[in-house]
Amino acid sequence: MEEAGNFHIMDPLEFPAISSWKKNFL
């Protein structure tokens, strides 16, 4: 969605816990 719409929400440095969860989930 971010790429298609040219906006940015998820920065791994700002959201390290979510980024870790994303990897575990996928």
PDB file of all heavy atoms in Angstrom:
ATOM      1  N   MET A   1       0.836  -1.204   0.000  1.00  0.00           N
ATOM      2  CA  MET A   1       0.000   0.000   0.000  1.00  0.00           C
ATOM      3  C   MET A   1       0.868   1.251   0.000  1.00  0.00           C
ATOM      4  O   MET A   1       0.589   2.214  -0.731  1.00  0.00           O
ATOM      5  CB  MET A   1      -0.919   0.012   1.223  1.00  0.00           C
ATOM      6  CG  MET A   1      -1.975  -1.072   1.255  1.00  0.00           C
ATOM      7  SD  MET A   1      -2.920  -1.056   2.810  1.00  0.00           S
ATOM      8  CE  MET A   1      -3.916   0.434   2.607  1.00  0.00           C
ATOM      9  N   GLU A   2       1.926   1.240   0.821  1.00  0.00           N
ATOM     10  CA  GLU A   2       2.824   2.391   0.897  1.00  0.00           C
ATOM     11  C   GLU A   2       3.485   2.662  -0.453  1.00  0.00           C
ATOM     12  O   GLU A   2       3.587   3.815  -0.888  1.00  0.00           O
ATOM     13  CB  GLU A   2       3.889   2.140   1.965  1.00  0.00           C
ATOM     14  CG  GLU A   2       3.348   2.145   3.390  1.00  0.00           C
ATOM     15  CD  GLU A   2       4.417   1.818   4.412  1.00  0.00           C
ATOM     16  OE1 GLU A   2       5.132   0.804   4.221  1.00  0.00           O
ATOM     17  OE2 GLU A   2       4.551   2.557   5.398  1.00  0.00           O
ATOM     18  N   GLU A   3       3.934   1.589  -1.102  1.00  0.00           N
ATOM     19  CA  GLU A   3       4.584   1.764  -2.404  1.00  0.00           C
ATOM     20  C   GLU A   3       3.591   2.246  -3.456  1.00  0.00           C
ATOM     21  O   GLU A   3       3.899   3.156  -4.234  1.00  0.00           O
ATOM     22  CB  GLU A   3       5.230   0.451  -2.852  1.00  0.00           C
ATOM     23  CG  GLU A   3       5.975   0.578  -4.180  1.00  0.00           C
ATOM     24  CD  GLU A   3       6.691  -0.684  -4.599  1.00  0.00           C
ATOM     25  OE1 GLU A   3       6.791  -1.622  -3.775  1.00  0.00           O
ATOM     26  OE2 GLU A   3       7.145  -0.746  -5.760  1.00  0.00           O
ATOM     27  N   ALA A   4       2.416   1.655  -3.482  1.00  0.00           N
ATOM     28  CA  ALA A   4       1.417   2.034  -4.486  1.00  0.00           C
ATOM     29  C   ALA A   4       0.982   3.482  -4.325  1.00  0.00           C
ATOM     30  O   ALA A   4       0.790   4.195  -5.321  1.00  0.00           O
ATOM     31  CB  ALA A   4       0.210   1.106  -4.387  1.00  0.00           C
ATOM     32  N   GLY A   5       0.831   3.916  -3.076  1.00  0.00           N
ATOM     33  CA  GLY A   5       0.314   5.259  -2.814  1.00  0.00           C
ATOM     34  C   GLY A   5       1.364   6.299  -2.524  1.00  0.00           C
ATOM     35  O   GLY A   5       1.032   7.464  -2.262  1.00  0.00           O
ATOM     36  N   ASN A   6       2.642   5.885  -2.538  1.00  0.00           N
ATOM     37  CA  ASN A   6       3.748   6.819  -2.315  1.00  0.00           C
ATOM     38  C   ASN A   6       3.610   7.564  -0.980  1.00  0.00           C
ATOM     39  O   ASN A   6       3.600   8.790  -0.917  1.00  0.00           O
ATOM     40  CB  ASN A   6       3.871   7.816  -3.470  1.00  0.00           C
ATOM     41  CG  ASN A   6       5.169   8.614  -3.424  1.00  0.00           C
ATOM     42  OD1 ASN A   6       6.179   8.132  -2.905  1.00  0.00           O
ATOM     43  ND2 ASN A   6       5.149   9.828  -3.953  1.00  0.00           N
ATOM     44  N   PHE A   7       3.456   6.787   0.092  1.00  0.00           N
ATOM     45  CA  PHE A   7       3.459   7.345   1.446  1.00  0.00           C
ATOM     46  C   PHE A   7       4.222   6.371   2.335  1.00  0.00           C
ATOM     47  O   PHE A   7       4.547   5.259   1.919  1.00  0.00           O
ATOM     48  CB  PHE A   7       2.034   7.581   1.966  1.00  0.00           C
ATOM     49  CG  PHE A   7       1.254   6.311   2.219  1.00  0.00           C
ATOM     50  CD1 PHE A   7       1.122   5.801   3.511  1.00  0.00           C
ATOM     51  CD2 PHE A   7       0.646   5.623   1.178  1.00  0.00           C
ATOM     52  CE1 PHE A   7       0.402   4.637   3.743  1.00  0.00           C
ATOM     53  CE2 PHE A   7      -0.080   4.465   1.407  1.00  0.00           C
ATOM     54  CZ  PHE A   7      -0.198   3.970   2.693  1.00  0.00           C
ATOM     55  N   HIS A   8       4.528   6.811   3.551  1.00  0.00           N
ATOM     56  CA  HIS A   8       5.367   5.967   4.406  1.00  0.00           C
ATOM     57  C   HIS A   8       4.884   6.037   5.854  1.00  0.00           C
ATOM     58  O   HIS A   8       4.695   7.115   6.402  1.00  0.00           O
ATOM     59  CB  HIS A   8       6.827   6.418   4.331  1.00  0.00           C
ATOM     60  CG  HIS A   8       7.789   5.443   4.925  1.00  0.00           C
ATOM     61  ND1 HIS A   8       7.865   4.124   4.529  1.00  0.00           N
ATOM     62  CD2 HIS A   8       8.719   5.590   5.895  1.00  0.00           C
ATOM     63  CE1 HIS A   8       8.802   3.500   5.227  1.00  0.00           C
ATOM     64  NE2 HIS A   8       9.323   4.368   6.068  1.00  0.00           N
ATOM     65  N   ILE A   9       4.678   4.867   6.422  1.00  0.00           N
ATOM     66  CA  ILE A   9       4.277   4.751   7.826  1.00  0.00           C
ATOM     67  C   ILE A   9       5.310   3.959   8.615  1.00  0.00           C
ATOM     68  O   ILE A   9       5.776   4.380   9.658  1.00  0.00           O
ATOM     69  CB  ILE A   9       2.897   4.052   7.942  1.00  0.00           C
ATOM     70  CG1 ILE A   9       1.800   4.902   7.311  1.00  0.00           C
ATOM     71  CG2 ILE A   9       2.557   3.779   9.415  1.00  0.00           C
ATOM     72  CD1 ILE A   9       0.462   4.192   7.200  1.00  0.00           C
ATOM     73  N   MET A  10       5.665   2.799   8.079  1.00  0.00           N
ATOM     74  CA  MET A  10       6.465   1.835   8.817  1.00  0.00           C
ATOM     75  C   MET A  10       7.962   2.026   8.594  1.00  0.00           C
ATOM     76  O   MET A  10       8.497   1.662   7.554  1.00  0.00           O
ATOM     77  CB  MET A  10       6.075   0.410   8.400  1.00  0.00           C
ATOM     78  CG  MET A  10       4.930  -0.169   9.194  1.00  0.00           C
ATOM     79  SD  MET A  10       5.343  -0.435  10.931  1.00  0.00           S
ATOM     80  CE  MET A  10       6.677  -1.589  10.760  1.00  0.00           C
ATOM     81  N   ASP A  11       8.634   2.619   9.582  1.00  0.00           N
ATOM     82  CA  ASP A  11      10.093   2.697   9.592  1.00  0.00           C
ATOM     83  C   ASP A  11      10.588   1.683  10.623  1.00  0.00           C
ATOM     84  O   ASP A  11      10.227   1.772  11.801  1.00  0.00           O
ATOM     85  CB  ASP A  11      10.543   4.107   9.981  1.00  0.00           C
ATOM     86  CG  ASP A  11      12.051   4.283   9.914  1.00  0.00           C
ATOM     87  OD1 ASP A  11      12.777   3.274  10.055  1.00  0.00           O
ATOM     88  OD2 ASP A  11      12.508   5.423   9.731  1.00  0.00           O
ATOM     89  N   PRO A  12      11.408   0.694  10.212  1.00  0.00           N
ATOM     90  CA  PRO A  12      11.877  -0.326  11.158  1.00  0.00           C
ATOM     91  C   PRO A  12      12.595   0.252  12.378  1.00  0.00           C
ATOM     92  O   PRO A  12      12.541  -0.333  13.462  1.00  0.00           O
ATOM     93  CB  PRO A  12      12.833  -1.175  10.314  1.00  0.00           C
ATOM     94  CG  PRO A  12      12.377  -0.976   8.907  1.00  0.00           C
ATOM     95  CD  PRO A  12      11.869   0.439   8.849  1.00  0.00           C
ATOM     96  N   LEU A  13      13.235   1.400  12.202  1.00  0.00           N
ATOM     97  CA  LEU A  13      13.934   2.022  13.329  1.00  0.00           C
ATOM     98  C   LEU A  13      12.945   2.622  14.329  1.00  0.00           C
ATOM     99  O   LEU A  13      13.214   2.668  15.525  1.00  0.00           O
ATOM    100  CB  LEU A  13      14.890   3.104  12.824  1.00  0.00           C
ATOM    101  CG  LEU A  13      16.056   2.628  11.952  1.00  0.00           C
ATOM    102  CD1 LEU A  13      16.895   3.805  11.482  1.00  0.00           C
ATOM    103  CD2 LEU A  13      16.921   1.625  12.717  1.00  0.00           C
ATOM    104  N   GLU A  14      11.828   3.077  13.847  1.00  0.00           N
ATOM    105  CA  GLU A  14      10.791   3.647  14.715  1.00  0.00           C
ATOM    106  C   GLU A  14       9.885   2.578  15.302  1.00  0.00           C
ATOM    107  O   GLU A  14       9.306   2.765  16.375  1.00  0.00           O
ATOM    108  CB  GLU A  14       9.949   4.660  13.937  1.00  0.00           C
ATOM    109  CG  GLU A  14      10.684   5.917  13.528  1.00  0.00           C
ATOM    110  CD  GLU A  14       9.758   6.904  12.843  1.00  0.00           C
ATOM    111  OE1 GLU A  14       8.866   7.447  13.530  1.00  0.00           O
ATOM    112  OE2 GLU A  14       9.906   7.112  11.627  1.00  0.00           O
ATOM    113  N   PHE A  15       9.762   1.467  14.589  1.00  0.00           N
ATOM    114  CA  PHE A  15       8.864   0.392  15.017  1.00  0.00           C
ATOM    115  C   PHE A  15       9.600  -0.945  15.064  1.00  0.00           C
ATOM    116  O   PHE A  15       9.264  -1.880  14.331  1.00  0.00           O
ATOM    117  CB  PHE A  15       7.664   0.301  14.071  1.00  0.00           C
ATOM    118  CG  PHE A  15       6.816   1.540  14.028  1.00  0.00           C
ATOM    119  CD1 PHE A  15       6.926   2.439  12.978  1.00  0.00           C
ATOM    120  CD2 PHE A  15       5.907   1.810  15.044  1.00  0.00           C
ATOM    121  CE1 PHE A  15       6.146   3.580  12.939  1.00  0.00           C
ATOM    122  CE2 PHE A  15       5.120   2.946  15.019  1.00  0.00           C
ATOM    123  CZ  PHE A  15       5.233   3.842  13.962  1.00  0.00           C
ATOM    124  N   PRO A  16      10.611  -1.056  15.935  1.00  0.00           N
ATOM    125  CA  PRO A  16      11.399  -2.302  15.973  1.00  0.00           C
ATOM    126  C   PRO A  16      10.603  -3.513  16.441  1.00  0.00           C
ATOM    127  O   PRO A  16      10.829  -4.623  15.956  1.00  0.00           O
ATOM    128  CB  PRO A  16      12.539  -1.974  16.953  1.00  0.00           C
ATOM    129  CG  PRO A  16      12.004  -0.855  17.804  1.00  0.00           C
ATOM    130  CD  PRO A  16      11.133  -0.057  16.892  1.00  0.00           C
ATOM    131  N   ALA A  17       9.663  -3.311  17.360  1.00  0.00           N
ATOM    132  CA  ALA A  17       8.884  -4.448  17.870  1.00  0.00           C
ATOM    133  C   ALA A  17       7.930  -4.977  16.809  1.00  0.00           C
ATOM    134  O   ALA A  17       7.800  -6.193  16.623  1.00  0.00           O
ATOM    135  CB  ALA A  17       8.115  -4.038  19.126  1.00  0.00           C
ATOM    136  N   ILE A  18       7.271  -4.071  16.093  1.00  0.00           N
ATOM    137  CA  ILE A  18       6.390  -4.500  15.009  1.00  0.00           C
ATOM    138  C   ILE A  18       7.199  -5.162  13.903  1.00  0.00           C
ATOM    139  O   ILE A  18       6.778  -6.174  13.328  1.00  0.00           O
ATOM    140  CB  ILE A  18       5.576  -3.318  14.448  1.00  0.00           C
ATOM    141  CG1 ILE A  18       4.600  -2.788  15.503  1.00  0.00           C
ATOM    142  CG2 ILE A  18       4.805  -3.726  13.190  1.00  0.00           C
ATOM    143  CD1 ILE A  18       3.816  -1.562  15.073  1.00  0.00           C
ATOM    144  N   SER A  19       8.382  -4.612  13.610  1.00  0.00           N
ATOM    145  CA  SER A  19       9.234  -5.190  12.571  1.00  0.00           C
ATOM    146  C   SER A  19       9.656  -6.609  12.934  1.00  0.00           C
ATOM    147  O   SER A  19       9.675  -7.499  12.069  1.00  0.00           O
ATOM    148  CB  SER A  19      10.465  -4.307  12.348  1.00  0.00           C
ATOM    149  OG  SER A  19      10.085  -3.025  11.890  1.00  0.00           O
ATOM    150  N   SER A  20       9.972  -6.826  14.193  1.00  0.00           N
ATOM    151  CA  SER A  20      10.333  -8.172  14.649  1.00  0.00           C
ATOM    152  C   SER A  20       9.132  -9.105  14.554  1.00  0.00           C
ATOM    153  O   SER A  20       9.255 -10.258  14.107  1.00  0.00           O
ATOM    154  CB  SER A  20      10.845  -8.104  16.086  1.00  0.00           C
ATOM    155  OG  SER A  20      11.148  -9.396  16.575  1.00  0.00           O
ATOM    156  N   TRP A  21       7.970  -8.606  14.962  1.00  0.00           N
ATOM    157  CA  TRP A  21       6.743  -9.409  14.859  1.00  0.00           C
ATOM    158  C   TRP A  21       6.453  -9.762  13.407  1.00  0.00           C
ATOM    159  O   TRP A  21       6.075 -10.902  13.100  1.00  0.00           O
ATOM    160  CB  TRP A  21       5.564  -8.637  15.453  1.00  0.00           C
ATOM    161  CG  TRP A  21       4.239  -9.216  15.066  1.00  0.00           C
ATOM    162  CD1 TRP A  21       3.615 -10.310  15.614  1.00  0.00           C
ATOM    163  CD2 TRP A  21       3.379  -8.770  13.996  1.00  0.00           C
ATOM    164  NE1 TRP A  21       2.421 -10.560  14.965  1.00  0.00           N
ATOM    165  CE2 TRP A  21       2.257  -9.635  13.978  1.00  0.00           C
ATOM    166  CE3 TRP A  21       3.450  -7.726  13.074  1.00  0.00           C
ATOM    167  CZ2 TRP A  21       1.222  -9.475  13.065  1.00  0.00           C
ATOM    168  CZ3 TRP A  21       2.418  -7.578  12.158  1.00  0.00           C
ATOM    169  CH2 TRP A  21       1.320  -8.434  12.173  1.00  0.00           C
ATOM    170  N   LYS A  22       6.616  -8.798  12.494  1.00  0.00           N
ATOM    171  CA  LYS A  22       6.368  -9.060  11.073  1.00  0.00           C
ATOM    172  C   LYS A  22       7.194 -10.238  10.577  1.00  0.00           C
ATOM    173  O   LYS A  22       6.683 -11.113   9.873  1.00  0.00           O
ATOM    174  CB  LYS A  22       6.708  -7.819  10.233  1.00  0.00           C
ATOM    175  CG  LYS A  22       5.666  -6.722  10.263  1.00  0.00           C
ATOM    176  CD  LYS A  22       6.166  -5.475   9.541  1.00  0.00           C
ATOM    177  CE  LYS A  22       6.548  -5.746   8.115  1.00  0.00           C
ATOM    178  NZ  LYS A  22       6.993  -4.519   7.404  1.00  0.00           N
ATOM    179  N   LYS A  23       8.464 -10.259  10.957  1.00  0.00           N
ATOM    180  CA  LYS A  23       9.339 -11.350  10.520  1.00  0.00           C
ATOM    181  C   LYS A  23       8.878 -12.679  11.114  1.00  0.00           C
ATOM    182  O   LYS A  23       8.788 -13.687  10.406  1.00  0.00           O
ATOM    183  CB  LYS A  23      10.784 -11.063  10.917  1.00  0.00           C
ATOM    184  CG  LYS A  23      11.768 -12.120  10.419  1.00  0.00           C
ATOM    185  CD  LYS A  23      13.190 -11.781  10.796  1.00  0.00           C
ATOM    186  CE  LYS A  23      14.160 -12.783  10.163  1.00  0.00           C
ATOM    187  NZ  LYS A  23      13.828 -14.192  10.450  1.00  0.00           N
ATOM    188  N   ASN A  24       8.580 -12.665  12.406  1.00  0.00           N
ATOM    189  CA  ASN A  24       8.102 -13.897  13.055  1.00  0.00           C
ATOM    190  C   ASN A  24       6.824 -14.401  12.396  1.00  0.00           C
ATOM    191  O   ASN A  24       6.646 -15.606  12.188  1.00  0.00           O
ATOM    192  CB  ASN A  24       7.856 -13.649  14.545  1.00  0.00           C
ATOM    193  CG  ASN A  24       9.129 -13.404  15.320  1.00  0.00           C
ATOM    194  OD1 ASN A  24      10.201 -13.881  14.950  1.00  0.00           O
ATOM    195  ND2 ASN A  24       9.024 -12.649  16.406  1.00  0.00           N
ATOM    196  N   PHE A  25       5.948 -13.465  12.094  1.00  0.00           N
ATOM    197  CA  PHE A  25       4.654 -13.830  11.511  1.00  0.00           C
ATOM    198  C   PHE A  25       4.830 -14.425  10.121  1.00  0.00           C
ATOM    199  O   PHE A  25       4.306 -15.497   9.811  1.00  0.00           O
ATOM    200  CB  PHE A  25       3.753 -12.591  11.463  1.00  0.00           C
ATOM    201  CG  PHE A  25       2.347 -12.867  11.010  1.00  0.00           C
ATOM    202  CD1 PHE A  25       1.431 -13.459  11.862  1.00  0.00           C
ATOM    203  CD2 PHE A  25       1.937 -12.531   9.721  1.00  0.00           C
ATOM    204  CE1 PHE A  25       0.123 -13.729  11.452  1.00  0.00           C
ATOM    205  CE2 PHE A  25       0.643 -12.782   9.299  1.00  0.00           C
ATOM    206  CZ  PHE A  25      -0.264 -13.388  10.166  1.00  0.00           C
ATOM    207  N   LEU A  26       5.592 -13.738   9.264  1.00  0.00           N
ATOM    208  CA  LEU A  26       5.756 -14.183   7.887  1.00  0.00           C
ATOM    209  C   LEU A  26       6.616 -15.441   7.779  1.00  0.00           C
ATOM    210  O   LEU A  26       6.562 -16.134   6.756  1.00  0.00           O
ATOM    211  CB  LEU A  26       6.355 -13.058   7.039  1.00  0.00           C
ATOM    212  CG  LEU A  26       5.431 -11.865   6.792  1.00  0.00           C
ATOM    213  CD1 LEU A  26       6.184 -10.745   6.091  1.00  0.00           C
ATOM    214  CD2 LEU A  26       4.215 -12.274   5.975  1.00  0.00           C
TER     215      LEU A  26
END
